[in-house]
Amino acid sequence: MYFTDRGIEELEQRRGSEEVTFEWLAEQLRTFVDLNPDFEVPVERLATWLARLDEEDDDV
C-alpha cells in the first residue's frame, strides 16, 4: 500500500457516494494548486491523465 492510498481511501469513505462533475473537479484542482503551488506539476499530470483516459482504450 502506498502512502497516498490512505488519502484515497479517506476520500472514498467520506465522499464516495457523491456525484460530481468534471467542471467541479477542475475548479477544486485549481483551488488546490492556488493554495499549494508546489503541487502544480503533479496536479497537472493527474488532470492530463484523467483527460486522456479514453485515448488509452483506442491504443488497445
PDB file of N, CA and C in Angstrom:
ATOM      1  N   MET A   1       0.847  -1.182   0.000  1.00  0.00           N
ATOM      2  CA  MET A   1       0.000   0.000   0.000  1.00  0.00           C
ATOM      3  C   MET A   1       0.888   1.240   0.000  1.00  0.00           C
ATOM      4  N   TYR A   2       0.597   2.147  -0.911  1.00  0.00           N
ATOM      5  CA  TYR A   2       1.311   3.406  -0.968  1.00  0.00           C
ATOM      6  C   TYR A   2       0.766   4.349   0.100  1.00  0.00           C
ATOM      7  N   PHE A   3       1.584   5.311   0.506  1.00  0.00           N
ATOM      8  CA  PHE A   3       1.156   6.303   1.482  1.00  0.00           C
ATOM      9  C   PHE A   3      -0.083   7.034   0.986  1.00  0.00           C
ATOM     10  N   THR A   4      -0.137   7.327  -0.327  1.00  0.00           N
ATOM     11  CA  THR A   4      -1.279   8.072  -0.877  1.00  0.00           C
ATOM     12  C   THR A   4      -2.573   7.285  -0.818  1.00  0.00           C
ATOM     13  N   ASP A   5      -2.472   5.966  -0.687  1.00  0.00           N
ATOM     14  CA  ASP A   5      -3.694   5.164  -0.606  1.00  0.00           C
ATOM     15  C   ASP A   5      -4.559   5.563   0.577  1.00  0.00           C
ATOM     16  N   ARG A   6      -3.938   6.009   1.658  1.00  0.00           N
ATOM     17  CA  ARG A   6      -4.734   6.408   2.830  1.00  0.00           C
ATOM     18  C   ARG A   6      -5.623   7.591   2.494  1.00  0.00           C
ATOM     19  N   GLY A   7      -5.074   8.551   1.771  1.00  0.00           N
ATOM     20  CA  GLY A   7      -5.876   9.704   1.365  1.00  0.00           C
ATOM     21  C   GLY A   7      -6.974   9.324   0.401  1.00  0.00           C
ATOM     22  N   ILE A   8      -6.651   8.420  -0.515  1.00  0.00           N
ATOM     23  CA  ILE A   8      -7.641   7.958  -1.476  1.00  0.00           C
ATOM     24  C   ILE A   8      -8.749   7.199  -0.757  1.00  0.00           C
ATOM     25  N   GLU A   9      -8.372   6.370   0.200  1.00  0.00           N
ATOM     26  CA  GLU A   9      -9.382   5.630   0.972  1.00  0.00           C
ATOM     27  C   GLU A   9     -10.258   6.580   1.779  1.00  0.00           C
ATOM     28  N   GLU A  10      -9.663   7.615   2.364  1.00  0.00           N
ATOM     29  CA  GLU A  10     -10.466   8.591   3.119  1.00  0.00           C
ATOM     30  C   GLU A  10     -11.440   9.303   2.186  1.00  0.00           C
ATOM     31  N   LEU A  11     -10.969   9.683   1.014  1.00  0.00           N
ATOM     32  CA  LEU A  11     -11.840  10.329   0.033  1.00  0.00           C
ATOM     33  C   LEU A  11     -13.004   9.424  -0.327  1.00  0.00           C
ATOM     34  N   GLU A  12     -12.707   8.174  -0.577  1.00  0.00           N
ATOM     35  CA  GLU A  12     -13.753   7.218  -0.936  1.00  0.00           C
ATOM     36  C   GLU A  12     -14.757   7.031   0.199  1.00  0.00           C
ATOM     37  N   GLN A  13     -14.257   6.937   1.435  1.00  0.00           N
ATOM     38  CA  GLN A  13     -15.145   6.748   2.581  1.00  0.00           C
ATOM     39  C   GLN A  13     -16.011   7.972   2.840  1.00  0.00           C
ATOM     40  N   ARG A  14     -15.416   9.154   2.771  1.00  0.00           N
ATOM     41  CA  ARG A  14     -16.155  10.377   3.105  1.00  0.00           C
ATOM     42  C   ARG A  14     -17.079  10.841   1.986  1.00  0.00           C
ATOM     43  N   ARG A  15     -16.642  10.677   0.727  1.00  0.00           N
ATOM     44  CA  ARG A  15     -17.385  11.280  -0.375  1.00  0.00           C
ATOM     45  C   ARG A  15     -17.720  10.304  -1.487  1.00  0.00           C
ATOM     46  N   GLY A  16     -17.499   9.018  -1.225  1.00  0.00           N
ATOM     47  CA  GLY A  16     -17.672   8.009  -2.264  1.00  0.00           C
ATOM     48  C   GLY A  16     -19.064   7.909  -2.848  1.00  0.00           C
ATOM     49  N   SER A  17     -20.062   8.293  -2.099  1.00  0.00           N
ATOM     50  CA  SER A  17     -21.431   8.180  -2.612  1.00  0.00           C
ATOM     51  C   SER A  17     -21.881   9.438  -3.365  1.00  0.00           C
ATOM     52  N   GLU A  18     -21.055  10.480  -3.361  1.00  0.00           N
ATOM     53  CA  GLU A  18     -21.412  11.727  -4.037  1.00  0.00           C
ATOM     54  C   GLU A  18     -21.136  11.634  -5.532  1.00  0.00           C
ATOM     55  N   GLU A  19     -21.858  12.418  -6.297  1.00  0.00           N
ATOM     56  CA  GLU A  19     -21.598  12.557  -7.719  1.00  0.00           C
ATOM     57  C   GLU A  19     -21.147  13.977  -7.977  1.00  0.00           C
ATOM     58  N   VAL A  20     -20.076  14.120  -8.769  1.00  0.00           N
ATOM     59  CA  VAL A  20     -19.544  15.440  -9.096  1.00  0.00           C
ATOM     60  C   VAL A  20     -19.320  15.526 -10.597  1.00  0.00           C
ATOM     61  N   THR A  21     -19.226  16.741 -11.077  1.00  0.00           N
ATOM     62  CA  THR A  21     -18.911  16.957 -12.490  1.00  0.00           C
ATOM     63  C   THR A  21     -17.410  17.180 -12.633  1.00  0.00           C
ATOM     64  N   PHE A  22     -16.921  17.004 -13.837  1.00  0.00           N
ATOM     65  CA  PHE A  22     -15.516  17.305 -14.080  1.00  0.00           C
ATOM     66  C   PHE A  22     -15.261  18.805 -13.977  1.00  0.00           C
ATOM     67  N   GLU A  23     -16.274  19.603 -14.246  1.00  0.00           N
ATOM     68  CA  GLU A  23     -16.153  21.051 -14.066  1.00  0.00           C
ATOM     69  C   GLU A  23     -15.876  21.361 -12.593  1.00  0.00           C
ATOM     70  N   TRP A  24     -16.612  20.722 -11.690  1.00  0.00           N
ATOM     71  CA  TRP A  24     -16.398  20.916 -10.251  1.00  0.00           C
ATOM     72  C   TRP A  24     -15.003  20.436  -9.863  1.00  0.00           C
ATOM     73  N   LEU A  25     -14.611  19.258 -10.343  1.00  0.00           N
ATOM     74  CA  LEU A  25     -13.293  18.716 -10.031  1.00  0.00           C
ATOM     75  C   LEU A  25     -12.191  19.642 -10.519  1.00  0.00           C
ATOM     76  N   ALA A  26     -12.318  20.161 -11.728  1.00  0.00           N
ATOM     77  CA  ALA A  26     -11.313  21.080 -12.268  1.00  0.00           C
ATOM     78  C   ALA A  26     -11.181  22.324 -11.390  1.00  0.00           C
ATOM     79  N   GLU A  27     -12.291  22.848 -10.926  1.00  0.00           N
ATOM     80  CA  GLU A  27     -12.257  24.025 -10.048  1.00  0.00           C
ATOM     81  C   GLU A  27     -11.567  23.702  -8.727  1.00  0.00           C
ATOM     82  N   GLN A  28     -11.833  22.531  -8.169  1.00  0.00           N
ATOM     83  CA  GLN A  28     -11.183  22.127  -6.917  1.00  0.00           C
ATOM     84  C   GLN A  28      -9.677  21.961  -7.121  1.00  0.00           C
ATOM     85  N   LEU A  29      -9.280  21.397  -8.255  1.00  0.00           N
ATOM     86  CA  LEU A  29      -7.856  21.243  -8.549  1.00  0.00           C
ATOM     87  C   LEU A  29      -7.178  22.606  -8.695  1.00  0.00           C
ATOM     88  N   ARG A  30      -7.847  23.551  -9.360  1.00  0.00           N
ATOM     89  CA  ARG A  30      -7.289  24.911  -9.481  1.00  0.00           C
ATOM     90  C   ARG A  30      -7.125  25.560  -8.112  1.00  0.00           C
ATOM     91  N   THR A  31      -8.131  25.429  -7.277  1.00  0.00           N
ATOM     92  CA  THR A  31      -8.054  25.998  -5.931  1.00  0.00           C
ATOM     93  C   THR A  31      -6.921  25.360  -5.142  1.00  0.00           C
ATOM     94  N   PHE A  32      -6.787  24.041  -5.235  1.00  0.00           N
ATOM     95  CA  PHE A  32      -5.717  23.338  -4.529  1.00  0.00           C
ATOM     96  C   PHE A  32      -4.346  23.845  -4.971  1.00  0.00           C
ATOM     97  N   VAL A  33      -4.148  24.009  -6.276  1.00  0.00           N
ATOM     98  CA  VAL A  33      -2.857  24.485  -6.782  1.00  0.00           C
ATOM     99  C   VAL A  33      -2.616  25.933  -6.371  1.00  0.00           C
ATOM    100  N   ASP A  34      -3.668  26.750  -6.350  1.00  0.00           N
ATOM    101  CA  ASP A  34      -3.511  28.129  -5.879  1.00  0.00           C
ATOM    102  C   ASP A  34      -3.017  28.158  -4.435  1.00  0.00           C
ATOM    103  N   LEU A  35      -3.537  27.258  -3.616  1.00  0.00           N
ATOM    104  CA  LEU A  35      -3.151  27.201  -2.209  1.00  0.00           C
ATOM    105  C   LEU A  35      -1.849  26.440  -1.984  1.00  0.00           C
ATOM    106  N   ASN A  36      -1.490  25.569  -2.921  1.00  0.00           N
ATOM    107  CA  ASN A  36      -0.309  24.705  -2.789  1.00  0.00           C
ATOM    108  C   ASN A  36       0.470  24.690  -4.104  1.00  0.00           C
ATOM    109  N   PRO A  37       1.116  25.789  -4.471  1.00  0.00           N
ATOM    110  CA  PRO A  37       1.767  25.870  -5.780  1.00  0.00           C
ATOM    111  C   PRO A  37       2.858  24.822  -6.008  1.00  0.00           C
ATOM    112  N   ASP A  38       3.420  24.265  -4.951  1.00  0.00           N
ATOM    113  CA  ASP A  38       4.439  23.232  -5.121  1.00  0.00           C
ATOM    114  C   ASP A  38       3.876  21.966  -5.756  1.00  0.00           C
ATOM    115  N   PHE A  39       2.561  21.817  -5.749  1.00  0.00           N
ATOM    116  CA  PHE A  39       1.920  20.624  -6.296  1.00  0.00           C
ATOM    117  C   PHE A  39       1.396  20.839  -7.715  1.00  0.00           C
ATOM    118  N   GLU A  40       1.794  21.926  -8.341  1.00  0.00           N
ATOM    119  CA  GLU A  40       1.286  22.238  -9.680  1.00  0.00           C
ATOM    120  C   GLU A  40       1.589  21.124 -10.689  1.00  0.00           C
ATOM    121  N   VAL A  41       2.813  20.625 -10.690  1.00  0.00           N
ATOM    122  CA  VAL A  41       3.192  19.597 -11.670  1.00  0.00           C
ATOM    123  C   VAL A  41       2.428  18.286 -11.441  1.00  0.00           C
ATOM    124  N   PRO A  42       2.384  17.742 -10.210  1.00  0.00           N
ATOM    125  CA  PRO A  42       1.615  16.506 -10.036  1.00  0.00           C
ATOM    126  C   PRO A  42       0.126  16.658 -10.362  1.00  0.00           C
ATOM    127  N   VAL A  43      -0.459  17.796 -10.009  1.00  0.00           N
ATOM    128  CA  VAL A  43      -1.877  18.006 -10.303  1.00  0.00           C
ATOM    129  C   VAL A  43      -2.076  18.103 -11.816  1.00  0.00           C
ATOM    130  N   GLU A  44      -1.158  18.776 -12.505  1.00  0.00           N
ATOM    131  CA  GLU A  44      -1.238  18.874 -13.958  1.00  0.00           C
ATOM    132  C   GLU A  44      -1.144  17.487 -14.599  1.00  0.00           C
ATOM    133  N   ARG A  45      -0.251  16.656 -14.080  1.00  0.00           N
ATOM    134  CA  ARG A  45      -0.112  15.289 -14.611  1.00  0.00           C
ATOM    135  C   ARG A  45      -1.367  14.469 -14.368  1.00  0.00           C
ATOM    136  N   LEU A  46      -1.941  14.589 -13.173  1.00  0.00           N
ATOM    137  CA  LEU A  46      -3.175  13.872 -12.873  1.00  0.00           C
ATOM    138  C   LEU A  46      -4.304  14.335 -13.786  1.00  0.00           C
ATOM    139  N   ALA A  47      -4.450  15.642 -13.949  1.00  0.00           N
ATOM    140  CA  ALA A  47      -5.520  16.176 -14.799  1.00  0.00           C
ATOM    141  C   ALA A  47      -5.355  15.708 -16.243  1.00  0.00           C
ATOM    142  N   THR A  48      -4.131  15.728 -16.737  1.00  0.00           N
ATOM    143  CA  THR A  48      -3.868  15.279 -18.107  1.00  0.00           C
ATOM    144  C   THR A  48      -4.165  13.792 -18.250  1.00  0.00           C
ATOM    145  N   TRP A  49      -3.760  13.011 -17.266  1.00  0.00           N
ATOM    146  CA  TRP A  49      -4.021  11.567 -17.293  1.00  0.00           C
ATOM    147  C   TRP A  49      -5.527  11.302 -17.319  1.00  0.00           C
ATOM    148  N   LEU A  50      -6.274  11.992 -16.462  1.00  0.00           N
ATOM    149  CA  LEU A  50      -7.725  11.818 -16.433  1.00  0.00           C
ATOM    150  C   LEU A  50      -8.357  12.236 -17.758  1.00  0.00           C
ATOM    151  N   ALA A  51      -7.875  13.333 -18.323  1.00  0.00           N
ATOM    152  CA  ALA A  51      -8.435  13.836 -19.577  1.00  0.00           C
ATOM    153  C   ALA A  51      -8.212  12.871 -20.732  1.00  0.00           C
ATOM    154  N   ARG A  52      -7.129  12.097 -20.671  1.00  0.00           N
ATOM    155  CA  ARG A  52      -6.760  11.236 -21.800  1.00  0.00           C
ATOM    156  C   ARG A  52      -7.053   9.758 -21.570  1.00  0.00           C
ATOM    157  N   LEU A  53      -7.790   9.423 -20.534  1.00  0.00           N
ATOM    158  CA  LEU A  53      -8.075   8.019 -20.250  1.00  0.00           C
ATOM    159  C   LEU A  53      -8.675   7.282 -21.437  1.00  0.00           C
ATOM    160  N   ASP A  54      -9.580   7.909 -22.151  1.00  0.00           N
ATOM    161  CA  ASP A  54     -10.223   7.236 -23.278  1.00  0.00           C
ATOM    162  C   ASP A  54      -9.262   6.992 -24.429  1.00  0.00           C
ATOM    163  N   GLU A  55      -8.191   7.755 -24.534  1.00  0.00           N
ATOM    164  CA  GLU A  55      -7.197   7.548 -25.585  1.00  0.00           C
ATOM    165  C   GLU A  55      -6.484   6.233 -25.403  1.00  0.00           C
ATOM    166  N   GLU A  56      -6.289   5.797 -24.154  1.00  0.00           N
ATOM    167  CA  GLU A  56      -5.645   4.519 -23.893  1.00  0.00           C
ATOM    168  C   GLU A  56      -6.469   3.383 -24.453  1.00  0.00           C
ATOM    169  N   ASP A  57      -7.783   3.485 -24.379  1.00  0.00           N
ATOM    170  CA  ASP A  57      -8.667   2.459 -24.922  1.00  0.00           C
ATOM    171  C   ASP A  57      -8.504   2.327 -26.432  1.00  0.00           C
ATOM    172  N   ASP A  58      -8.224   3.459 -27.098  1.00  0.00           N
ATOM    173  CA  ASP A  58      -8.052   3.437 -28.547  1.00  0.00           C
ATOM    174  C   ASP A  58      -6.784   2.719 -28.961  1.00  0.00           C
ATOM    175  N   ASP A  59      -5.759   2.717 -28.080  1.00  0.00           N
ATOM    176  CA  ASP A  59      -4.477   2.088 -28.395  1.00  0.00           C
ATOM    177  C   ASP A  59      -4.513   0.576 -28.248  1.00  0.00           C
ATOM    178  N   VAL A  60      -5.499   0.048 -27.499  1.00  0.00           N
ATOM    179  CA  VAL A  60      -5.560  -1.388 -27.231  1.00  0.00           C
ATOM    180  C   VAL A  60      -6.078  -2.146 -28.423  1.00  0.00           C
TER     181      VAL A  60
END
